[in-house]
Amino acid sequence: MDRLQAMEVFTRVVETNSFSKAAELLDLPRGSVSNLIQGLEQHVGVRLLNRTTRQVSVTEDGAVYYERCVSILSEISDAESSLSNKRQSPTGTIRVDTSGTLAKALLLPALGDFYAKFPHIDVRLGLADRNIDLIQDGVDCVIRMGTLEESSLVARRIGNSRITTCASPAYLDAHGTPATLDDLQQHRAVNYVSARSGKTFPFEYEVDGEIVKVPINGALAVNDGTVYITAGALGYGIIQPSRFMVADMIERGELREILTSYAIPSTPLSIVYPHRRNLSSRVRAFTDWVTELAKAHPDLGGEQD
């Protein structure tokens, strides 16, 4: 029995509460996962997991052993990362989750630079504008816009996104261009509905040091960022997106910025990963690269404390 492999399999089973899910994440046959756990339990002389037909749960001894396994595996990963070859050329697959709009506007245009620097890292990009369980879903890190909910995860602020109010030239030609916030009541918006809470986001502005929320009527509401921006460009109403997501469309004249004399609160951009004492070299390489990418972007403002 490869004891280190067995320990890695055991930690995955504990984190996912599933033999099948652990096997999928580790690309192993389910039978191999079961055999490795059985061999590990025989080696340590105690039951580590309780198994039923419906679920897997960790025993009291297993919980203690899990913490030690995480520490040991982290130490090994850190030791390997300290070697010059590993540090210069980390290898393996990193699983990243983010929204489609953020991937399209920020990550994909620059991903070639990442591969040039780290040719032996494969990126698996999951696209979902919703809360996910990093442990259960086997995700290494998540890139998210907006204020994050309190959790045991580690969140690193990598930028503050500028927000803009804009609409298509066709919409503005047909309905006029609002000059004040009061004028917005005579217009319609494409409203954005949070996929997480189901609530519609009002437009926001800073007036005399206070944040003013401006709800605007609209016949169309969506819960996907790409569709939201596309609907605005097609003339269905005014939108208030992150500017870096529409900068190219503004430059091409597909969208026109309005109400530019009004300040708008920025939105935090963060990268989130599970709480581990040491990140793997490939996850560290990716998070550092994303941080530098945001820092250099004029509409993101760089890393913030």
C-alpha atoms as a PDB file:
ATOM      1  CA  MET A   1       0.000   0.000   0.000  1.00  0.00           C
ATOM      2  CA  ASP A   2       1.265   3.479  -0.908  1.00  0.00           C
ATOM      3  CA  ARG A   3       0.658   5.160   2.438  1.00  0.00           C
ATOM      4  CA  LEU A   4       0.873   8.723   1.113  1.00  0.00           C
ATOM      5  CA  GLN A   5      -1.594   7.948  -1.656  1.00  0.00           C
ATOM      6  CA  ALA A   6      -3.879   6.330   0.901  1.00  0.00           C
ATOM      7  CA  MET A   7      -3.689   9.424   3.093  1.00  0.00           C
ATOM      8  CA  GLU A   8      -4.553  11.665   0.127  1.00  0.00           C
ATOM      9  CA  VAL A   9      -7.488   9.413  -0.765  1.00  0.00           C
ATOM     10  CA  PHE A  10      -8.656   9.426   2.865  1.00  0.00           C
ATOM     11  CA  THR A  11      -8.622  13.254   3.054  1.00  0.00           C
ATOM     12  CA  ARG A  12     -10.628  13.492  -0.170  1.00  0.00           C
ATOM     13  CA  VAL A  13     -13.224  11.012   1.094  1.00  0.00           C
ATOM     14  CA  VAL A  14     -13.581  12.999   4.330  1.00  0.00           C
ATOM     15  CA  GLU A  15     -13.881  16.309   2.478  1.00  0.00           C
ATOM     16  CA  THR A  16     -16.437  15.060  -0.049  1.00  0.00           C
ATOM     17  CA  ASN A  17     -18.254  12.557   2.196  1.00  0.00           C
ATOM     18  CA  SER A  18     -18.208  10.235  -0.770  1.00  0.00           C
ATOM     19  CA  PHE A  19     -16.058   7.386  -2.097  1.00  0.00           C
ATOM     20  CA  SER A  20     -17.378   7.996  -5.624  1.00  0.00           C
ATOM     21  CA  LYS A  21     -16.684  11.738  -5.562  1.00  0.00           C
ATOM     22  CA  ALA A  22     -13.175  11.191  -4.190  1.00  0.00           C
ATOM     23  CA  ALA A  23     -12.513   8.632  -6.927  1.00  0.00           C
ATOM     24  CA  GLU A  24     -13.721  11.090  -9.569  1.00  0.00           C
ATOM     25  CA  LEU A  25     -11.567  13.943  -8.272  1.00  0.00           C
ATOM     26  CA  LEU A  26      -8.480  11.749  -8.009  1.00  0.00           C
ATOM     27  CA  ASP A  27      -9.156   9.960 -11.304  1.00  0.00           C
ATOM     28  CA  LEU A  28      -9.102   6.545  -9.616  1.00  0.00           C
ATOM     29  CA  PRO A  29     -11.444   3.568  -9.862  1.00  0.00           C
ATOM     30  CA  ARG A  30     -13.920   3.514  -6.986  1.00  0.00           C
ATOM     31  CA  GLY A  31     -12.714   0.051  -6.028  1.00  0.00           C
ATOM     32  CA  SER A  32      -9.159   1.345  -5.640  1.00  0.00           C
ATOM     33  CA  VAL A  33     -10.370   4.089  -3.308  1.00  0.00           C
ATOM     34  CA  SER A  34     -12.255   1.552  -1.180  1.00  0.00           C
ATOM     35  CA  ASN A  35      -9.252  -0.794  -1.061  1.00  0.00           C
ATOM     36  CA  LEU A  36      -6.863   2.002  -0.079  1.00  0.00           C
ATOM     37  CA  ILE A  37      -9.150   3.091   2.772  1.00  0.00           C
ATOM     38  CA  GLN A  38      -9.492  -0.484   4.007  1.00  0.00           C
ATOM     39  CA  GLY A  39      -5.729  -0.933   3.863  1.00  0.00           C
ATOM     40  CA  LEU A  40      -5.179   2.325   5.737  1.00  0.00           C
ATOM     41  CA  GLU A  41      -7.622   1.348   8.479  1.00  0.00           C
ATOM     42  CA  GLN A  42      -5.868  -2.021   8.854  1.00  0.00           C
ATOM     43  CA  HIS A  43      -2.514  -0.273   9.047  1.00  0.00           C
ATOM     44  CA  VAL A  44      -3.530   2.225  11.764  1.00  0.00           C
ATOM     45  CA  GLY A  45      -5.659  -0.327  13.596  1.00  0.00           C
ATOM     46  CA  VAL A  46      -8.815   1.785  13.989  1.00  0.00           C
ATOM     47  CA  ARG A  47     -11.942   2.539  11.973  1.00  0.00           C
ATOM     48  CA  LEU A  48     -11.548   5.910  10.292  1.00  0.00           C
ATOM     49  CA  LEU A  49     -14.873   6.113   8.467  1.00  0.00           C
ATOM     50  CA  ASN A  50     -18.432   5.069   9.165  1.00  0.00           C
ATOM     51  CA  ARG A  51     -20.106   3.713   6.049  1.00  0.00           C
ATOM     52  CA  THR A  52     -23.790   3.269   5.331  1.00  0.00           C
ATOM     53  CA  THR A  53     -25.626   2.705   2.075  1.00  0.00           C
ATOM     54  CA  ARG A  54     -26.448   6.429   1.954  1.00  0.00           C
ATOM     55  CA  GLN A  55     -23.471   8.285   3.347  1.00  0.00           C
ATOM     56  CA  VAL A  56     -19.919   8.245   4.620  1.00  0.00           C
ATOM     57  CA  SER A  57     -18.918  10.039   7.819  1.00  0.00           C
ATOM     58  CA  VAL A  58     -15.662  10.365   9.678  1.00  0.00           C
ATOM     59  CA  THR A  59     -15.220   8.724  13.085  1.00  0.00           C
ATOM     60  CA  GLU A  60     -13.785  10.527  16.090  1.00  0.00           C
ATOM     61  CA  ASP A  61     -10.416   8.840  15.538  1.00  0.00           C
ATOM     62  CA  GLY A  62     -10.721   9.542  11.844  1.00  0.00           C
ATOM     63  CA  ALA A  63     -11.235  13.271  12.458  1.00  0.00           C
ATOM     64  CA  VAL A  64      -7.998  13.423  14.479  1.00  0.00           C
ATOM     65  CA  TYR A  65      -6.153  11.427  11.844  1.00  0.00           C
ATOM     66  CA  TYR A  66      -7.555  13.643   9.073  1.00  0.00           C
ATOM     67  CA  GLU A  67      -6.041  16.780  10.613  1.00  0.00           C
ATOM     68  CA  ARG A  68      -2.649  15.074  10.832  1.00  0.00           C
ATOM     69  CA  CYS A  69      -2.924  13.843   7.241  1.00  0.00           C
ATOM     70  CA  VAL A  70      -3.686  17.367   5.985  1.00  0.00           C
ATOM     71  CA  SER A  71      -0.666  18.697   7.861  1.00  0.00           C
ATOM     72  CA  ILE A  72       1.643  15.960   6.565  1.00  0.00           C
ATOM     73  CA  LEU A  73       0.489  16.288   2.967  1.00  0.00           C
ATOM     74  CA  SER A  74       0.899  20.052   3.154  1.00  0.00           C
ATOM     75  CA  GLU A  75       4.434  19.653   4.516  1.00  0.00           C
ATOM     76  CA  ILE A  76       5.309  17.318   1.653  1.00  0.00           C
ATOM     77  CA  SER A  77       3.816  19.688  -0.921  1.00  0.00           C
ATOM     78  CA  ASP A  78       5.748  22.604   0.569  1.00  0.00           C
ATOM     79  CA  ALA A  79       8.978  20.592   0.626  1.00  0.00           C
ATOM     80  CA  GLU A  80       8.577  19.685  -3.029  1.00  0.00           C
ATOM     81  CA  SER A  81       7.727  23.276  -3.922  1.00  0.00           C
ATOM     82  CA  SER A  82      10.932  24.469  -2.283  1.00  0.00           C
ATOM     83  CA  LEU A  83      13.021  22.541  -4.796  1.00  0.00           C
ATOM     84  CA  SER A  84      14.244  24.828  -7.533  1.00  0.00           C
ATOM     85  CA  ASN A  85      12.787  22.823 -10.413  1.00  0.00           C
ATOM     86  CA  LYS A  86       9.387  22.682  -8.756  1.00  0.00           C
ATOM     87  CA  ARG A  87       9.438  26.347  -7.899  1.00  0.00           C
ATOM     88  CA  GLN A  88      10.322  27.327 -11.449  1.00  0.00           C
ATOM     89  CA  SER A  89       7.985  24.882 -13.144  1.00  0.00           C
ATOM     90  CA  PRO A  90       5.024  23.745 -11.009  1.00  0.00           C
ATOM     91  CA  THR A  91       3.004  20.950 -12.568  1.00  0.00           C
ATOM     92  CA  GLY A  92      -0.482  19.494 -12.364  1.00  0.00           C
ATOM     93  CA  THR A  93      -4.079  20.562 -12.778  1.00  0.00           C
ATOM     94  CA  ILE A  94      -5.746  23.505 -11.051  1.00  0.00           C
ATOM     95  CA  ARG A  95      -9.543  23.737 -10.830  1.00  0.00           C
ATOM     96  CA  VAL A  96     -10.820  27.325 -10.917  1.00  0.00           C
ATOM     97  CA  ASP A  97     -14.434  28.470 -10.656  1.00  0.00           C
ATOM     98  CA  THR A  98     -15.681  31.912 -11.729  1.00  0.00           C
ATOM     99  CA  SER A  99     -18.450  33.601 -13.710  1.00  0.00           C
ATOM    100  CA  GLY A 100     -18.632  33.469 -17.484  1.00  0.00           C
ATOM    101  CA  THR A 101     -18.363  37.247 -17.851  1.00  0.00           C
ATOM    102  CA  LEU A 102     -15.290  37.441 -15.635  1.00  0.00           C
ATOM    103  CA  ALA A 103     -13.632  34.577 -17.482  1.00  0.00           C
ATOM    104  CA  LYS A 104     -14.368  36.143 -20.870  1.00  0.00           C
ATOM    105  CA  ALA A 105     -13.293  39.682 -19.965  1.00  0.00           C
ATOM    106  CA  LEU A 106     -10.327  39.064 -17.661  1.00  0.00           C
ATOM    107  CA  LEU A 107      -8.954  35.519 -17.704  1.00  0.00           C
ATOM    108  CA  LEU A 108      -9.246  34.228 -21.269  1.00  0.00           C
ATOM    109  CA  PRO A 109      -7.526  37.194 -22.978  1.00  0.00           C
ATOM    110  CA  ALA A 110      -4.504  36.793 -20.683  1.00  0.00           C
ATOM    111  CA  LEU A 111      -4.415  33.027 -20.194  1.00  0.00           C
ATOM    112  CA  GLY A 112      -1.807  32.612 -22.909  1.00  0.00           C
ATOM    113  CA  ASP A 113       0.610  34.580 -20.725  1.00  0.00           C
ATOM    114  CA  PHE A 114      -0.074  32.190 -17.831  1.00  0.00           C
ATOM    115  CA  TYR A 115       0.628  29.132 -19.992  1.00  0.00           C
ATOM    116  CA  ALA A 116       3.817  30.733 -21.269  1.00  0.00           C
ATOM    117  CA  LYS A 117       5.025  31.169 -17.690  1.00  0.00           C
ATOM    118  CA  PHE A 118       3.697  27.851 -16.389  1.00  0.00           C
ATOM    119  CA  PRO A 119       3.535  25.424 -19.326  1.00  0.00           C
ATOM    120  CA  HIS A 120       3.030  22.377 -17.115  1.00  0.00           C
ATOM    121  CA  ILE A 121      -0.105  23.591 -15.337  1.00  0.00           C
ATOM    122  CA  ASP A 122      -3.486  22.669 -16.802  1.00  0.00           C
ATOM    123  CA  VAL A 123      -6.439  24.921 -15.939  1.00  0.00           C
ATOM    124  CA  ARG A 124      -9.939  23.484 -15.576  1.00  0.00           C
ATOM    125  CA  LEU A 125     -12.258  26.470 -15.655  1.00  0.00           C
ATOM    126  CA  GLY A 126     -15.737  26.062 -14.191  1.00  0.00           C
ATOM    127  CA  LEU A 127     -18.261  28.799 -14.916  1.00  0.00           C
ATOM    128  CA  ALA A 128     -21.042  29.471 -12.410  1.00  0.00           C
ATOM    129  CA  ASP A 129     -22.297  32.691 -10.829  1.00  0.00           C
ATOM    130  CA  ARG A 130     -23.381  30.953  -7.635  1.00  0.00           C
ATOM    131  CA  ASN A 131     -22.027  29.745  -4.346  1.00  0.00           C
ATOM    132  CA  ILE A 132     -20.250  26.417  -4.576  1.00  0.00           C
ATOM    133  CA  ASP A 133     -18.659  24.144  -1.999  1.00  0.00           C
ATOM    134  CA  LEU A 134     -14.957  24.215  -2.818  1.00  0.00           C
ATOM    135  CA  ILE A 135     -14.276  21.038  -0.857  1.00  0.00           C
ATOM    136  CA  GLN A 136     -17.260  19.054  -2.092  1.00  0.00           C
ATOM    137  CA  ASP A 137     -16.736  20.138  -5.702  1.00  0.00           C
ATOM    138  CA  GLY A 138     -12.958  19.658  -5.619  1.00  0.00           C
ATOM    139  CA  VAL A 139     -12.241  23.268  -6.616  1.00  0.00           C
ATOM    140  CA  ASP A 140      -8.846  24.793  -5.807  1.00  0.00           C
ATOM    141  CA  CYS A 141      -9.949  28.430  -5.909  1.00  0.00           C
ATOM    142  CA  VAL A 142     -12.859  30.675  -6.845  1.00  0.00           C
ATOM    143  CA  ILE A 143     -12.734  34.190  -8.328  1.00  0.00           C
ATOM    144  CA  ARG A 144     -15.773  36.239  -7.339  1.00  0.00           C
ATOM    145  CA  MET A 145     -17.159  39.750  -7.684  1.00  0.00           C
ATOM    146  CA  GLY A 146     -18.999  41.403  -4.803  1.00  0.00           C
ATOM    147  CA  THR A 147     -19.013  41.250  -1.021  1.00  0.00           C
ATOM    148  CA  LEU A 148     -18.274  37.729   0.188  1.00  0.00           C
ATOM    149  CA  GLU A 149     -20.240  35.871   2.823  1.00  0.00           C
ATOM    150  CA  GLU A 150     -18.508  34.986   6.077  1.00  0.00           C
ATOM    151  CA  SER A 151     -16.970  31.517   5.922  1.00  0.00           C
ATOM    152  CA  SER A 152     -13.982  29.453   7.001  1.00  0.00           C
ATOM    153  CA  LEU A 153     -12.448  29.923   3.557  1.00  0.00           C
ATOM    154  CA  VAL A 154      -9.500  32.210   2.903  1.00  0.00           C
ATOM    155  CA  ALA A 155     -10.425  35.275   0.826  1.00  0.00           C
ATOM    156  CA  ARG A 156      -7.814  37.471  -0.830  1.00  0.00           C
ATOM    157  CA  ARG A 157      -8.944  40.833  -2.212  1.00  0.00           C
ATOM    158  CA  ILE A 158      -7.211  41.299  -5.552  1.00  0.00           C
ATOM    159  CA  GLY A 159      -8.962  44.384  -6.882  1.00  0.00           C
ATOM    160  CA  ASN A 160     -11.870  46.813  -6.841  1.00  0.00           C
ATOM    161  CA  SER A 161     -13.927  46.879  -9.997  1.00  0.00           C
ATOM    162  CA  ARG A 162     -15.101  50.197 -11.422  1.00  0.00           C
ATOM    163  CA  ILE A 163     -18.813  50.208 -12.252  1.00  0.00           C
ATOM    164  CA  THR A 164     -20.341  52.140 -15.135  1.00  0.00           C
ATOM    165  CA  THR A 165     -23.846  53.020 -16.307  1.00  0.00           C
ATOM    166  CA  CYS A 166     -24.364  52.507 -20.026  1.00  0.00           C
ATOM    167  CA  ALA A 167     -26.826  51.741 -22.777  1.00  0.00           C
ATOM    168  CA  SER A 168     -26.803  51.062 -26.484  1.00  0.00           C
ATOM    169  CA  PRO A 169     -26.782  54.014 -28.911  1.00  0.00           C
ATOM    170  CA  ALA A 170     -30.051  52.690 -30.368  1.00  0.00           C
ATOM    171  CA  TYR A 171     -31.741  52.787 -26.964  1.00  0.00           C
ATOM    172  CA  LEU A 172     -30.497  56.301 -26.228  1.00  0.00           C
ATOM    173  CA  ASP A 173     -31.512  57.546 -29.665  1.00  0.00           C
ATOM    174  CA  ALA A 174     -35.014  56.182 -29.094  1.00  0.00           C
ATOM    175  CA  HIS A 175     -35.513  57.220 -25.454  1.00  0.00           C
ATOM    176  CA  GLY A 176     -33.099  60.083 -24.876  1.00  0.00           C
ATOM    177  CA  THR A 177     -30.027  60.271 -22.642  1.00  0.00           C
ATOM    178  CA  PRO A 178     -30.702  60.744 -18.895  1.00  0.00           C
ATOM    179  CA  ALA A 179     -28.813  63.699 -17.403  1.00  0.00           C
ATOM    180  CA  THR A 180     -29.753  63.222 -13.722  1.00  0.00           C
ATOM    181  CA  LEU A 181     -30.670  60.344 -11.439  1.00  0.00           C
ATOM    182  CA  ASP A 182     -34.268  61.555 -11.416  1.00  0.00           C
ATOM    183  CA  ASP A 183     -34.323  61.122 -15.196  1.00  0.00           C
ATOM    184  CA  LEU A 184     -33.783  57.369 -14.730  1.00  0.00           C
ATOM    185  CA  GLN A 185     -37.391  57.005 -13.610  1.00  0.00           C
ATOM    186  CA  GLN A 186     -38.439  57.786 -17.185  1.00  0.00           C
ATOM    187  CA  HIS A 187     -36.292  54.966 -18.535  1.00  0.00           C
ATOM    188  CA  ARG A 188     -36.182  51.204 -18.358  1.00  0.00           C
ATOM    189  CA  ALA A 189     -33.354  48.938 -17.258  1.00  0.00           C
ATOM    190  CA  VAL A 190     -32.237  45.423 -17.885  1.00  0.00           C
ATOM    191  CA  ASN A 191     -32.372  44.243 -14.282  1.00  0.00           C
ATOM    192  CA  TYR A 192     -29.883  41.777 -12.841  1.00  0.00           C
ATOM    193  CA  VAL A 193     -31.180  39.076 -10.510  1.00  0.00           C
ATOM    194  CA  SER A 194     -28.729  37.416  -8.139  1.00  0.00           C
ATOM    195  CA  ALA A 195     -28.536  33.684  -8.848  1.00  0.00           C
ATOM    196  CA  ARG A 196     -27.630  33.222  -5.185  1.00  0.00           C
ATOM    197  CA  SER A 197     -30.350  35.240  -3.432  1.00  0.00           C
ATOM    198  CA  GLY A 198     -32.969  35.780  -6.140  1.00  0.00           C
ATOM    199  CA  LYS A 199     -32.979  39.532  -5.420  1.00  0.00           C
ATOM    200  CA  THR A 200     -32.821  42.233  -8.085  1.00  0.00           C
ATOM    201  CA  PHE A 201     -29.877  44.592  -7.773  1.00  0.00           C
ATOM    202  CA  PRO A 202     -30.809  48.308  -7.894  1.00  0.00           C
ATOM    203  CA  PHE A 203     -28.459  50.798  -9.526  1.00  0.00           C
ATOM    204  CA  GLU A 204     -26.176  52.500  -6.978  1.00  0.00           C
ATOM    205  CA  TYR A 205     -24.555  55.946  -6.871  1.00  0.00           C
ATOM    206  CA  GLU A 206     -22.617  58.024  -4.345  1.00  0.00           C
ATOM    207  CA  VAL A 207     -24.304  61.350  -3.600  1.00  0.00           C
ATOM    208  CA  ASP A 208     -22.902  63.690  -0.901  1.00  0.00           C
ATOM    209  CA  GLY A 209     -21.003  60.818   0.673  1.00  0.00           C
ATOM    210  CA  GLU A 210     -24.076  58.567   0.858  1.00  0.00           C
ATOM    211  CA  ILE A 211     -24.908  55.534  -1.270  1.00  0.00           C
ATOM    212  CA  VAL A 212     -28.181  56.047  -3.108  1.00  0.00           C
ATOM    213  CA  LYS A 213     -30.005  53.008  -4.470  1.00  0.00           C
ATOM    214  CA  VAL A 214     -32.054  53.669  -7.592  1.00  0.00           C
ATOM    215  CA  PRO A 215     -34.464  50.907  -8.620  1.00  0.00           C
ATOM    216  CA  ILE A 216     -35.495  51.178 -12.274  1.00  0.00           C
ATOM    217  CA  ASN A 217     -38.416  49.444 -13.937  1.00  0.00           C
ATOM    218  CA  GLY A 218     -37.641  47.008 -16.689  1.00  0.00           C
ATOM    219  CA  ALA A 219     -39.420  44.400 -18.749  1.00  0.00           C
ATOM    220  CA  LEU A 220     -36.380  42.086 -18.728  1.00  0.00           C
ATOM    221  CA  ALA A 221     -34.479  40.637 -15.773  1.00  0.00           C
ATOM    222  CA  VAL A 222     -31.658  38.073 -16.072  1.00  0.00           C
ATOM    223  CA  ASN A 223     -29.320  36.160 -13.756  1.00  0.00           C
ATOM    224  CA  ASP A 224     -26.353  35.716 -16.074  1.00  0.00           C
ATOM    225  CA  GLY A 225     -23.736  38.382 -16.637  1.00  0.00           C
ATOM    226  CA  THR A 226     -23.095  37.650 -20.296  1.00  0.00           C
ATOM    227  CA  VAL A 227     -26.801  37.778 -21.115  1.00  0.00           C
ATOM    228  CA  TYR A 228     -27.138  40.961 -19.026  1.00  0.00           C
ATOM    229  CA  ILE A 229     -24.493  42.771 -21.071  1.00  0.00           C
ATOM    230  CA  THR A 230     -25.771  41.403 -24.380  1.00  0.00           C
ATOM    231  CA  ALA A 231     -29.302  42.558 -23.556  1.00  0.00           C
ATOM    232  CA  GLY A 232     -28.012  46.066 -22.876  1.00  0.00           C
ATOM    233  CA  ALA A 233     -26.123  46.128 -26.171  1.00  0.00           C
ATOM    234  CA  LEU A 234     -29.283  44.995 -27.984  1.00  0.00           C
ATOM    235  CA  GLY A 235     -31.210  47.976 -26.620  1.00  0.00           C
ATOM    236  CA  TYR A 236     -33.463  46.339 -24.032  1.00  0.00           C
ATOM    237  CA  GLY A 237     -32.543  48.916 -21.419  1.00  0.00           C
ATOM    238  CA  ILE A 238     -29.868  50.642 -19.357  1.00  0.00           C
ATOM    239  CA  ILE A 239     -27.340  48.429 -17.540  1.00  0.00           C
ATOM    240  CA  GLN A 240     -24.798  48.991 -14.762  1.00  0.00           C
ATOM    241  CA  PRO A 241     -21.989  46.442 -15.258  1.00  0.00           C
ATOM    242  CA  SER A 242     -18.365  46.252 -14.178  1.00  0.00           C
ATOM    243  CA  ARG A 243     -16.522  48.485 -16.623  1.00  0.00           C
ATOM    244  CA  PHE A 244     -13.750  46.020 -17.409  1.00  0.00           C
ATOM    245  CA  MET A 245     -16.394  43.631 -18.728  1.00  0.00           C
ATOM    246  CA  VAL A 246     -17.683  46.138 -21.301  1.00  0.00           C
ATOM    247  CA  ALA A 247     -14.600  48.279 -22.019  1.00  0.00           C
ATOM    248  CA  ASP A 248     -14.137  46.787 -25.496  1.00  0.00           C
ATOM    249  CA  MET A 249     -17.821  47.302 -26.341  1.00  0.00           C
ATOM    250  CA  ILE A 250     -17.622  50.936 -25.224  1.00  0.00           C
ATOM    251  CA  GLU A 251     -14.531  51.451 -27.382  1.00  0.00           C
ATOM    252  CA  ARG A 252     -16.294  49.913 -30.384  1.00  0.00           C
ATOM    253  CA  GLY A 253     -19.375  52.084 -29.826  1.00  0.00           C
ATOM    254  CA  GLU A 254     -21.714  49.184 -29.031  1.00  0.00           C
ATOM    255  CA  LEU A 255     -22.413  50.723 -25.615  1.00  0.00           C
ATOM    256  CA  ARG A 256     -22.301  54.368 -24.544  1.00  0.00           C
ATOM    257  CA  GLU A 257     -21.478  55.488 -20.993  1.00  0.00           C
ATOM    258  CA  ILE A 258     -24.002  57.837 -19.368  1.00  0.00           C
ATOM    259  CA  LEU A 259     -24.312  59.777 -16.088  1.00  0.00           C
ATOM    260  CA  THR A 260     -20.522  59.905 -15.885  1.00  0.00           C
ATOM    261  CA  SER A 261     -20.602  62.878 -13.483  1.00  0.00           C
ATOM    262  CA  TYR A 262     -22.013  60.604 -10.772  1.00  0.00           C
ATOM    263  CA  ALA A 263     -19.673  58.444  -8.712  1.00  0.00           C
ATOM    264  CA  ILE A 264     -20.562  54.762  -8.364  1.00  0.00           C
ATOM    265  CA  PRO A 265     -19.357  52.488  -5.523  1.00  0.00           C
ATOM    266  CA  SER A 266     -16.763  49.997  -6.718  1.00  0.00           C
ATOM    267  CA  THR A 267     -17.223  46.245  -6.319  1.00  0.00           C
ATOM    268  CA  PRO A 268     -14.542  44.061  -4.696  1.00  0.00           C
ATOM    269  CA  LEU A 269     -12.892  41.303  -6.705  1.00  0.00           C
ATOM    270  CA  SER A 270     -11.574  38.409  -4.610  1.00  0.00           C
ATOM    271  CA  ILE A 271      -9.971  35.016  -4.971  1.00  0.00           C
ATOM    272  CA  VAL A 272     -11.079  32.413  -2.452  1.00  0.00           C
ATOM    273  CA  TYR A 273      -9.531  29.065  -1.556  1.00  0.00           C
ATOM    274  CA  PRO A 274      -9.902  26.457   1.204  1.00  0.00           C
ATOM    275  CA  HIS A 275      -8.088  27.107   4.450  1.00  0.00           C
ATOM    276  CA  ARG A 276      -4.868  25.170   4.253  1.00  0.00           C
ATOM    277  CA  ARG A 277      -1.597  26.038   5.944  1.00  0.00           C
ATOM    278  CA  ASN A 278       0.271  25.797   2.661  1.00  0.00           C
ATOM    279  CA  LEU A 279      -0.989  26.266  -0.877  1.00  0.00           C
ATOM    280  CA  SER A 280       0.376  23.953  -3.541  1.00  0.00           C
ATOM    281  CA  SER A 281       2.921  25.532  -5.860  1.00  0.00           C
ATOM    282  CA  ARG A 282       0.495  25.492  -8.794  1.00  0.00           C
ATOM    283  CA  VAL A 283      -2.327  27.168  -6.817  1.00  0.00           C
ATOM    284  CA  ARG A 284       0.121  29.741  -5.474  1.00  0.00           C
ATOM    285  CA  ALA A 285       1.374  30.401  -9.026  1.00  0.00           C
ATOM    286  CA  PHE A 286      -2.159  30.928 -10.323  1.00  0.00           C
ATOM    287  CA  THR A 287      -3.343  33.156  -7.465  1.00  0.00           C
ATOM    288  CA  ASP A 288      -0.228  35.324  -7.722  1.00  0.00           C
ATOM    289  CA  TRP A 289      -0.699  35.593 -11.493  1.00  0.00           C
ATOM    290  CA  VAL A 290      -4.367  36.622 -11.161  1.00  0.00           C
ATOM    291  CA  THR A 291      -3.421  39.199  -8.530  1.00  0.00           C
ATOM    292  CA  GLU A 292      -0.847  40.773 -10.841  1.00  0.00           C
ATOM    293  CA  LEU A 293      -3.339  40.650 -13.710  1.00  0.00           C
ATOM    294  CA  ALA A 294      -5.898  42.600 -11.684  1.00  0.00           C
ATOM    295  CA  LYS A 295      -3.302  45.043 -10.389  1.00  0.00           C
ATOM    296  CA  ALA A 296      -2.317  45.975 -13.941  1.00  0.00           C
ATOM    297  CA  HIS A 297      -5.900  46.475 -15.165  1.00  0.00           C
ATOM    298  CA  PRO A 298      -7.046  50.138 -15.266  1.00  0.00           C
ATOM    299  CA  ASP A 299     -10.639  49.273 -14.346  1.00  0.00           C
ATOM    300  CA  LEU A 300      -9.796  46.999 -11.411  1.00  0.00           C
ATOM    301  CA  GLY A 301      -7.593  49.195  -9.284  1.00  0.00           C
ATOM    302  CA  GLY A 302      -5.279  46.453  -8.085  1.00  0.00           C
ATOM    303  CA  GLU A 303      -4.932  44.572  -4.827  1.00  0.00           C
ATOM    304  CA  GLN A 304      -6.438  46.170  -1.735  1.00  0.00           C
ATOM    305  CA  ASP A 305      -5.794  45.519   1.944  1.00  0.00           C
END
